[in-house]
Amino acid sequence: MAFTDETVRELLLSVGLDPAAGDDVLERSFAELDLDSLARVEIATRIQDRFGVDVEERLTADATPSLMKKLVTERLPATGA
């Protein structure tokens, strides 16, 4: 299962990201996106449930969705033959 930019955007929208947020949302901090600690915990929980990857401790106010994507991608089990 891939963790794509679209997956990240869906997660952000599901926890309250303004749908009108610009194309630079992956590079802006969670604080800049007005996503508080509860939103970050919810995102981490959804990632854990869906992908089996724990990133909660790394999702600080200063972290970016781009960093979150990198953390998840690095920890996803390798697939293929």
PDB file of N, CA and C in Angstrom:
ATOM      1  N   MET A   1       0.846  -1.176   0.000  1.00  0.00           N
ATOM      2  CA  MET A   1       0.000   0.000   0.000  1.00  0.00           C
ATOM      3  C   MET A   1       0.895   1.244   0.000  1.00  0.00           C
ATOM      4  N   ALA A   2       0.697   2.106  -0.944  1.00  0.00           N
ATOM      5  CA  ALA A   2       1.533   3.297  -1.085  1.00  0.00           C
ATOM      6  C   ALA A   2       1.033   4.440  -0.215  1.00  0.00           C
ATOM      7  N   PHE A   3       1.958   5.237   0.261  1.00  0.00           N
ATOM      8  CA  PHE A   3       1.655   6.430   1.041  1.00  0.00           C
ATOM      9  C   PHE A   3       2.038   7.616   0.170  1.00  0.00           C
ATOM     10  N   THR A   4       1.074   8.115  -0.595  1.00  0.00           N
ATOM     11  CA  THR A   4       1.313   9.130  -1.619  1.00  0.00           C
ATOM     12  C   THR A   4       0.977  10.534  -1.122  1.00  0.00           C
ATOM     13  N   ASP A   5       1.301  11.531  -1.942  1.00  0.00           N
ATOM     14  CA  ASP A   5       0.909  12.910  -1.629  1.00  0.00           C
ATOM     15  C   ASP A   5      -0.607  13.000  -1.460  1.00  0.00           C
ATOM     16  N   GLU A   6      -1.332  12.274  -2.285  1.00  0.00           N
ATOM     17  CA  GLU A   6      -2.797  12.283  -2.191  1.00  0.00           C
ATOM     18  C   GLU A   6      -3.257  11.685  -0.864  1.00  0.00           C
ATOM     19  N   THR A   7      -2.605  10.633  -0.410  1.00  0.00           N
ATOM     20  CA  THR A   7      -2.920  10.038   0.889  1.00  0.00           C
ATOM     21  C   THR A   7      -2.701  11.062   1.994  1.00  0.00           C
ATOM     22  N   VAL A   8      -1.594  11.775   1.922  1.00  0.00           N
ATOM     23  CA  VAL A   8      -1.281  12.800   2.923  1.00  0.00           C
ATOM     24  C   VAL A   8      -2.356  13.870   2.922  1.00  0.00           C
ATOM     25  N   ARG A   9      -2.728  14.339   1.739  1.00  0.00           N
ATOM     26  CA  ARG A   9      -3.751  15.390   1.647  1.00  0.00           C
ATOM     27  C   ARG A   9      -5.079  14.899   2.219  1.00  0.00           C
ATOM     28  N   GLU A  10      -5.462  13.675   1.914  1.00  0.00           N
ATOM     29  CA  GLU A  10      -6.710  13.114   2.457  1.00  0.00           C
ATOM     30  C   GLU A  10      -6.677  13.075   3.979  1.00  0.00           C
ATOM     31  N   LEU A  11      -5.547  12.652   4.536  1.00  0.00           N
ATOM     32  CA  LEU A  11      -5.409  12.630   5.992  1.00  0.00           C
ATOM     33  C   LEU A  11      -5.534  14.026   6.580  1.00  0.00           C
ATOM     34  N   LEU A  12      -4.880  14.989   5.966  1.00  0.00           N
ATOM     35  CA  LEU A  12      -4.939  16.362   6.458  1.00  0.00           C
ATOM     36  C   LEU A  12      -6.367  16.910   6.411  1.00  0.00           C
ATOM     37  N   LEU A  13      -7.049  16.667   5.308  1.00  0.00           N
ATOM     38  CA  LEU A  13      -8.437  17.130   5.184  1.00  0.00           C
ATOM     39  C   LEU A  13      -9.343  16.462   6.208  1.00  0.00           C
ATOM     40  N   SER A  14      -9.076  15.195   6.511  1.00  0.00           N
ATOM     41  CA  SER A  14      -9.928  14.453   7.436  1.00  0.00           C
ATOM     42  C   SER A  14      -9.819  14.961   8.873  1.00  0.00           C
ATOM     43  N   VAL A  15      -8.750  15.692   9.183  1.00  0.00           N
ATOM     44  CA  VAL A  15      -8.593  16.226  10.537  1.00  0.00           C
ATOM     45  C   VAL A  15      -8.731  17.744  10.597  1.00  0.00           C
ATOM     46  N   GLY A  16      -9.244  18.332   9.533  1.00  0.00           N
ATOM     47  CA  GLY A  16      -9.602  19.742   9.603  1.00  0.00           C
ATOM     48  C   GLY A  16      -8.813  20.720   8.762  1.00  0.00           C
ATOM     49  N   LEU A  17      -7.937  20.232   7.884  1.00  0.00           N
ATOM     50  CA  LEU A  17      -7.241  21.161   6.998  1.00  0.00           C
ATOM     51  C   LEU A  17      -8.257  21.899   6.141  1.00  0.00           C
ATOM     52  N   ASP A  18      -8.067  23.194   6.002  1.00  0.00           N
ATOM     53  CA  ASP A  18      -8.931  24.002   5.147  1.00  0.00           C
ATOM     54  C   ASP A  18      -8.794  23.502   3.710  1.00  0.00           C
ATOM     55  N   PRO A  19      -9.911  23.078   3.091  1.00  0.00           N
ATOM     56  CA  PRO A  19      -9.843  22.579   1.708  1.00  0.00           C
ATOM     57  C   PRO A  19      -9.272  23.603   0.726  1.00  0.00           C
ATOM     58  N   ALA A  20      -9.307  24.882   1.089  1.00  0.00           N
ATOM     59  CA  ALA A  20      -8.784  25.925   0.215  1.00  0.00           C
ATOM     60  C   ALA A  20      -7.282  26.143   0.409  1.00  0.00           C
ATOM     61  N   ALA A  21      -6.665  25.340   1.271  1.00  0.00           N
ATOM     62  CA  ALA A  21      -5.219  25.481   1.496  1.00  0.00           C
ATOM     63  C   ALA A  21      -4.485  25.298   0.173  1.00  0.00           C
ATOM     64  N   GLY A  22      -3.423  26.018   0.013  1.00  0.00           N
ATOM     65  CA  GLY A  22      -2.688  26.018  -1.250  1.00  0.00           C
ATOM     66  C   GLY A  22      -1.957  24.723  -1.538  1.00  0.00           C
ATOM     67  N   ASP A  23      -1.266  24.716  -2.652  1.00  0.00           N
ATOM     68  CA  ASP A  23      -0.529  23.538  -3.104  1.00  0.00           C
ATOM     69  C   ASP A  23       0.715  23.263  -2.271  1.00  0.00           C
ATOM     70  N   ASP A  24       1.085  24.215  -1.407  1.00  0.00           N
ATOM     71  CA  ASP A  24       2.310  24.061  -0.624  1.00  0.00           C
ATOM     72  C   ASP A  24       2.071  23.412   0.740  1.00  0.00           C
ATOM     73  N   VAL A  25       0.920  22.777   0.932  1.00  0.00           N
ATOM     74  CA  VAL A  25       0.593  22.227   2.249  1.00  0.00           C
ATOM     75  C   VAL A  25       1.606  21.195   2.729  1.00  0.00           C
ATOM     76  N   LEU A  26       2.239  20.467   1.849  1.00  0.00           N
ATOM     77  CA  LEU A  26       3.194  19.449   2.278  1.00  0.00           C
ATOM     78  C   LEU A  26       4.446  20.065   2.886  1.00  0.00           C
ATOM     79  N   GLU A  27       4.746  21.295   2.543  1.00  0.00           N
ATOM     80  CA  GLU A  27       5.969  21.938   3.016  1.00  0.00           C
ATOM     81  C   GLU A  27       5.735  22.899   4.177  1.00  0.00           C
ATOM     82  N   ARG A  28       4.499  23.103   4.564  1.00  0.00           N
ATOM     83  CA  ARG A  28       4.183  23.993   5.684  1.00  0.00           C
ATOM     84  C   ARG A  28       4.047  23.169   6.961  1.00  0.00           C
ATOM     85  N   SER A  29       4.437  23.764   8.079  1.00  0.00           N
ATOM     86  CA  SER A  29       4.368  23.036   9.348  1.00  0.00           C
ATOM     87  C   SER A  29       2.913  22.815   9.762  1.00  0.00           C
ATOM     88  N   PHE A  30       2.726  21.841  10.636  1.00  0.00           N
ATOM     89  CA  PHE A  30       1.381  21.601  11.144  1.00  0.00           C
ATOM     90  C   PHE A  30       0.844  22.851  11.834  1.00  0.00           C
ATOM     91  N   ALA A  31       1.704  23.588  12.534  1.00  0.00           N
ATOM     92  CA  ALA A  31       1.287  24.836  13.177  1.00  0.00           C
ATOM     93  C   ALA A  31       0.813  25.844  12.130  1.00  0.00           C
ATOM     94  N   GLU A  32       1.568  25.976  11.040  1.00  0.00           N
ATOM     95  CA  GLU A  32       1.178  26.904   9.974  1.00  0.00           C
ATOM     96  C   GLU A  32      -0.135  26.493   9.320  1.00  0.00           C
ATOM     97  N   LEU A  33      -0.432  25.208   9.348  1.00  0.00           N
ATOM     98  CA  LEU A  33      -1.679  24.700   8.760  1.00  0.00           C
ATOM     99  C   LEU A  33      -2.830  24.734   9.765  1.00  0.00           C
ATOM    100  N   ASP A  34      -2.567  25.260  10.962  1.00  0.00           N
ATOM    101  CA  ASP A  34      -3.560  25.330  12.041  1.00  0.00           C
ATOM    102  C   ASP A  34      -4.068  23.958  12.455  1.00  0.00           C
ATOM    103  N   LEU A  35      -3.188  22.965  12.427  1.00  0.00           N
ATOM    104  CA  LEU A  35      -3.537  21.620  12.883  1.00  0.00           C
ATOM    105  C   LEU A  35      -2.870  21.410  14.239  1.00  0.00           C
ATOM    106  N   ASP A  36      -3.686  21.368  15.286  1.00  0.00           N
ATOM    107  CA  ASP A  36      -3.177  21.292  16.654  1.00  0.00           C
ATOM    108  C   ASP A  36      -2.766  19.877  17.039  1.00  0.00           C
ATOM    109  N   SER A  37      -2.400  19.712  18.299  1.00  0.00           N
ATOM    110  CA  SER A  37      -1.901  18.418  18.776  1.00  0.00           C
ATOM    111  C   SER A  37      -2.951  17.319  18.645  1.00  0.00           C
ATOM    112  N   LEU A  38      -4.212  17.650  18.843  1.00  0.00           N
ATOM    113  CA  LEU A  38      -5.267  16.629  18.683  1.00  0.00           C
ATOM    114  C   LEU A  38      -5.365  16.164  17.236  1.00  0.00           C
ATOM    115  N   ALA A  39      -5.242  17.094  16.306  1.00  0.00           N
ATOM    116  CA  ALA A  39      -5.265  16.728  14.883  1.00  0.00           C
ATOM    117  C   ALA A  39      -4.066  15.849  14.540  1.00  0.00           C
ATOM    118  N   ARG A  40      -2.899  16.172  15.091  1.00  0.00           N
ATOM    119  CA  ARG A  40      -1.697  15.375  14.823  1.00  0.00           C
ATOM    120  C   ARG A  40      -1.820  13.970  15.397  1.00  0.00           C
ATOM    121  N   VAL A  41      -2.403  13.854  16.595  1.00  0.00           N
ATOM    122  CA  VAL A  41      -2.619  12.531  17.193  1.00  0.00           C
ATOM    123  C   VAL A  41      -3.595  11.730  16.336  1.00  0.00           C
ATOM    124  N   GLU A  42      -4.640  12.385  15.849  1.00  0.00           N
ATOM    125  CA  GLU A  42      -5.616  11.699  14.996  1.00  0.00           C
ATOM    126  C   GLU A  42      -4.956  11.205  13.702  1.00  0.00           C
ATOM    127  N   ILE A  43      -4.128  12.038  13.101  1.00  0.00           N
ATOM    128  CA  ILE A  43      -3.406  11.625  11.892  1.00  0.00           C
ATOM    129  C   ILE A  43      -2.520  10.417  12.206  1.00  0.00           C
ATOM    130  N   ALA A  44      -1.771  10.488  13.296  1.00  0.00           N
ATOM    131  CA  ALA A  44      -0.869   9.394  13.677  1.00  0.00           C
ATOM    132  C   ALA A  44      -1.651   8.107  13.914  1.00  0.00           C
ATOM    133  N   THR A  45      -2.809   8.222  14.550  1.00  0.00           N
ATOM    134  CA  THR A  45      -3.645   7.047  14.811  1.00  0.00           C
ATOM    135  C   THR A  45      -4.139   6.439  13.507  1.00  0.00           C
ATOM    136  N   ARG A  46      -4.560   7.273  12.588  1.00  0.00           N
ATOM    137  CA  ARG A  46      -5.031   6.774  11.287  1.00  0.00           C
ATOM    138  C   ARG A  46      -3.899   6.097  10.509  1.00  0.00           C
ATOM    139  N   ILE A  47      -2.699   6.654  10.589  1.00  0.00           N
ATOM    140  CA  ILE A  47      -1.546   6.051   9.920  1.00  0.00           C
ATOM    141  C   ILE A  47      -1.230   4.700  10.561  1.00  0.00           C
ATOM    142  N   GLN A  48      -1.251   4.653  11.878  1.00  0.00           N
ATOM    143  CA  GLN A  48      -0.985   3.395  12.596  1.00  0.00           C
ATOM    144  C   GLN A  48      -2.006   2.331  12.203  1.00  0.00           C
ATOM    145  N   ASP A  49      -3.282   2.706  12.186  1.00  0.00           N
ATOM    146  CA  ASP A  49      -4.350   1.755  11.862  1.00  0.00           C
ATOM    147  C   ASP A  49      -4.267   1.266  10.418  1.00  0.00           C
ATOM    148  N   ARG A  50      -3.981   2.187   9.514  1.00  0.00           N
ATOM    149  CA  ARG A  50      -4.026   1.849   8.084  1.00  0.00           C
ATOM    150  C   ARG A  50      -2.728   1.257   7.546  1.00  0.00           C
ATOM    151  N   PHE A  51      -1.598   1.745   8.067  1.00  0.00           N
ATOM    152  CA  PHE A  51      -0.306   1.349   7.507  1.00  0.00           C
ATOM    153  C   PHE A  51       0.582   0.590   8.488  1.00  0.00           C
ATOM    154  N   GLY A  52       0.182   0.543   9.761  1.00  0.00           N
ATOM    155  CA  GLY A  52       0.971  -0.158  10.763  1.00  0.00           C
ATOM    156  C   GLY A  52       2.275   0.527  11.110  1.00  0.00           C
ATOM    157  N   VAL A  53       2.314   1.848  10.941  1.00  0.00           N
ATOM    158  CA  VAL A  53       3.528   2.627  11.189  1.00  0.00           C
ATOM    159  C   VAL A  53       3.236   3.653  12.278  1.00  0.00           C
ATOM    160  N   ASP A  54       4.108   3.701  13.298  1.00  0.00           N
ATOM    161  CA  ASP A  54       3.936   4.641  14.410  1.00  0.00           C
ATOM    162  C   ASP A  54       4.827   5.857  14.201  1.00  0.00           C
ATOM    163  N   VAL A  55       4.203   7.025  13.998  1.00  0.00           N
ATOM    164  CA  VAL A  55       4.960   8.268  13.812  1.00  0.00           C
ATOM    165  C   VAL A  55       4.530   9.352  14.790  1.00  0.00           C
ATOM    166  N   GLU A  56       3.701   8.989  15.758  1.00  0.00           N
ATOM    167  CA  GLU A  56       3.103   9.999  16.638  1.00  0.00           C
ATOM    168  C   GLU A  56       4.139  10.912  17.299  1.00  0.00           C
ATOM    169  N   GLU A  57       5.205  10.340  17.831  1.00  0.00           N
ATOM    170  CA  GLU A  57       6.195  11.156  18.540  1.00  0.00           C
ATOM    171  C   GLU A  57       6.911  12.147  17.636  1.00  0.00           C
ATOM    172  N   ARG A  58       6.947  11.870  16.357  1.00  0.00           N
ATOM    173  CA  ARG A  58       7.655  12.749  15.406  1.00  0.00           C
ATOM    174  C   ARG A  58       6.767  13.841  14.818  1.00  0.00           C
ATOM    175  N   LEU A  59       5.458  13.767  15.058  1.00  0.00           N
ATOM    176  CA  LEU A  59       4.545  14.764  14.491  1.00  0.00           C
ATOM    177  C   LEU A  59       4.389  15.933  15.449  1.00  0.00           C
ATOM    178  N   THR A  60       5.398  16.777  15.481  1.00  0.00           N
ATOM    179  CA  THR A  60       5.385  17.964  16.326  1.00  0.00           C
ATOM    180  C   THR A  60       4.746  19.119  15.558  1.00  0.00           C
ATOM    181  N   ALA A  61       4.510  20.219  16.245  1.00  0.00           N
ATOM    182  CA  ALA A  61       3.929  21.400  15.604  1.00  0.00           C
ATOM    183  C   ALA A  61       4.821  21.910  14.473  1.00  0.00           C
ATOM    184  N   ASP A  62       6.142  21.726  14.619  1.00  0.00           N
ATOM    185  CA  ASP A  62       7.089  22.220  13.610  1.00  0.00           C
ATOM    186  C   ASP A  62       7.306  21.250  12.456  1.00  0.00           C
ATOM    187  N   ALA A  63       6.840  20.021  12.603  1.00  0.00           N
ATOM    188  CA  ALA A  63       6.990  19.030  11.531  1.00  0.00           C
ATOM    189  C   ALA A  63       6.092  19.405  10.351  1.00  0.00           C
ATOM    190  N   THR A  64       6.452  18.885   9.190  1.00  0.00           N
ATOM    191  CA  THR A  64       5.661  19.145   7.984  1.00  0.00           C
ATOM    192  C   THR A  64       5.029  17.836   7.499  1.00  0.00           C
ATOM    193  N   PRO A  65       3.940  17.945   6.744  1.00  0.00           N
ATOM    194  CA  PRO A  65       3.385  16.747   6.131  1.00  0.00           C
ATOM    195  C   PRO A  65       4.393  16.026   5.236  1.00  0.00           C
ATOM    196  N   SER A  66       5.306  16.770   4.631  1.00  0.00           N
ATOM    197  CA  SER A  66       6.349  16.154   3.810  1.00  0.00           C
ATOM    198  C   SER A  66       7.253  15.257   4.659  1.00  0.00           C
ATOM    199  N   LEU A  67       7.625  15.732   5.838  1.00  0.00           N
ATOM    200  CA  LEU A  67       8.415  14.912   6.757  1.00  0.00           C
ATOM    201  C   LEU A  67       7.617  13.683   7.183  1.00  0.00           C
ATOM    202  N   MET A  68       6.340  13.881   7.474  1.00  0.00           N
ATOM    203  CA  MET A  68       5.484  12.760   7.855  1.00  0.00           C
ATOM    204  C   MET A  68       5.466  11.707   6.751  1.00  0.00           C
ATOM    205  N   LYS A  69       5.326  12.136   5.521  1.00  0.00           N
ATOM    206  CA  LYS A  69       5.317  11.201   4.392  1.00  0.00           C
ATOM    207  C   LYS A  69       6.630  10.429   4.324  1.00  0.00           C
ATOM    208  N   LYS A  70       7.742  11.134   4.502  1.00  0.00           N
ATOM    209  CA  LYS A  70       9.056  10.487   4.472  1.00  0.00           C
ATOM    210  C   LYS A  70       9.165   9.448   5.587  1.00  0.00           C
ATOM    211  N   LEU A  71       8.752   9.797   6.799  1.00  0.00           N
ATOM    212  CA  LEU A  71       8.825   8.871   7.929  1.00  0.00           C
ATOM    213  C   LEU A  71       8.016   7.609   7.673  1.00  0.00           C
ATOM    214  N   VAL A  72       6.795   7.783   7.157  1.00  0.00           N
ATOM    215  CA  VAL A  72       5.933   6.625   6.899  1.00  0.00           C
ATOM    216  C   VAL A  72       6.528   5.775   5.784  1.00  0.00           C
ATOM    217  N   THR A  73       6.939   6.401   4.706  1.00  0.00           N
ATOM    218  CA  THR A  73       7.480   5.680   3.554  1.00  0.00           C
ATOM    219  C   THR A  73       8.708   4.862   3.946  1.00  0.00           C
ATOM    220  N   GLU A  74       9.569   5.435   4.786  1.00  0.00           N
ATOM    221  CA  GLU A  74      10.781   4.732   5.220  1.00  0.00           C
ATOM    222  C   GLU A  74      10.451   3.509   6.079  1.00  0.00           C
ATOM    223  N   ARG A  75       9.319   3.546   6.761  1.00  0.00           N
ATOM    224  CA  ARG A  75       8.972   2.475   7.690  1.00  0.00           C
ATOM    225  C   ARG A  75       7.993   1.451   7.115  1.00  0.00           C
ATOM    226  N   LEU A  76       7.475   1.714   5.937  1.00  0.00           N
ATOM    227  CA  LEU A  76       6.558   0.750   5.329  1.00  0.00           C
ATOM    228  C   LEU A  76       7.329  -0.504   4.950  1.00  0.00           C
ATOM    229  N   PRO A  77       6.715  -1.667   5.171  1.00  0.00           N
ATOM    230  CA  PRO A  77       7.391  -2.892   4.754  1.00  0.00           C
ATOM    231  C   PRO A  77       7.591  -2.908   3.238  1.00  0.00           C
ATOM    232  N   ALA A  78       8.730  -3.398   2.826  1.00  0.00           N
ATOM    233  CA  ALA A  78       9.013  -3.505   1.394  1.00  0.00           C
ATOM    234  C   ALA A  78       8.075  -4.530   0.770  1.00  0.00           C
ATOM    235  N   THR A  79       7.593  -4.196  -0.418  1.00  0.00           N
ATOM    236  CA  THR A  79       6.742  -5.137  -1.147  1.00  0.00           C
ATOM    237  C   THR A  79       7.403  -5.467  -2.460  1.00  0.00           C
ATOM    238  N   GLY A  80       7.039  -6.575  -2.989  1.00  0.00           N
ATOM    239  CA  GLY A  80       7.604  -6.981  -4.273  1.00  0.00           C
ATOM    240  C   GLY A  80       8.071  -8.417  -4.215  1.00  0.00           C
ATOM    241  N   ALA A  81       8.522  -8.899  -5.356  1.00  0.00           N
ATOM    242  CA  ALA A  81       8.928 -10.310  -5.453  1.00  0.00           C
ATOM    243  C   ALA A  81      10.388 -10.481  -5.190  1.00  0.00           C
TER     244      ALA A  81
END
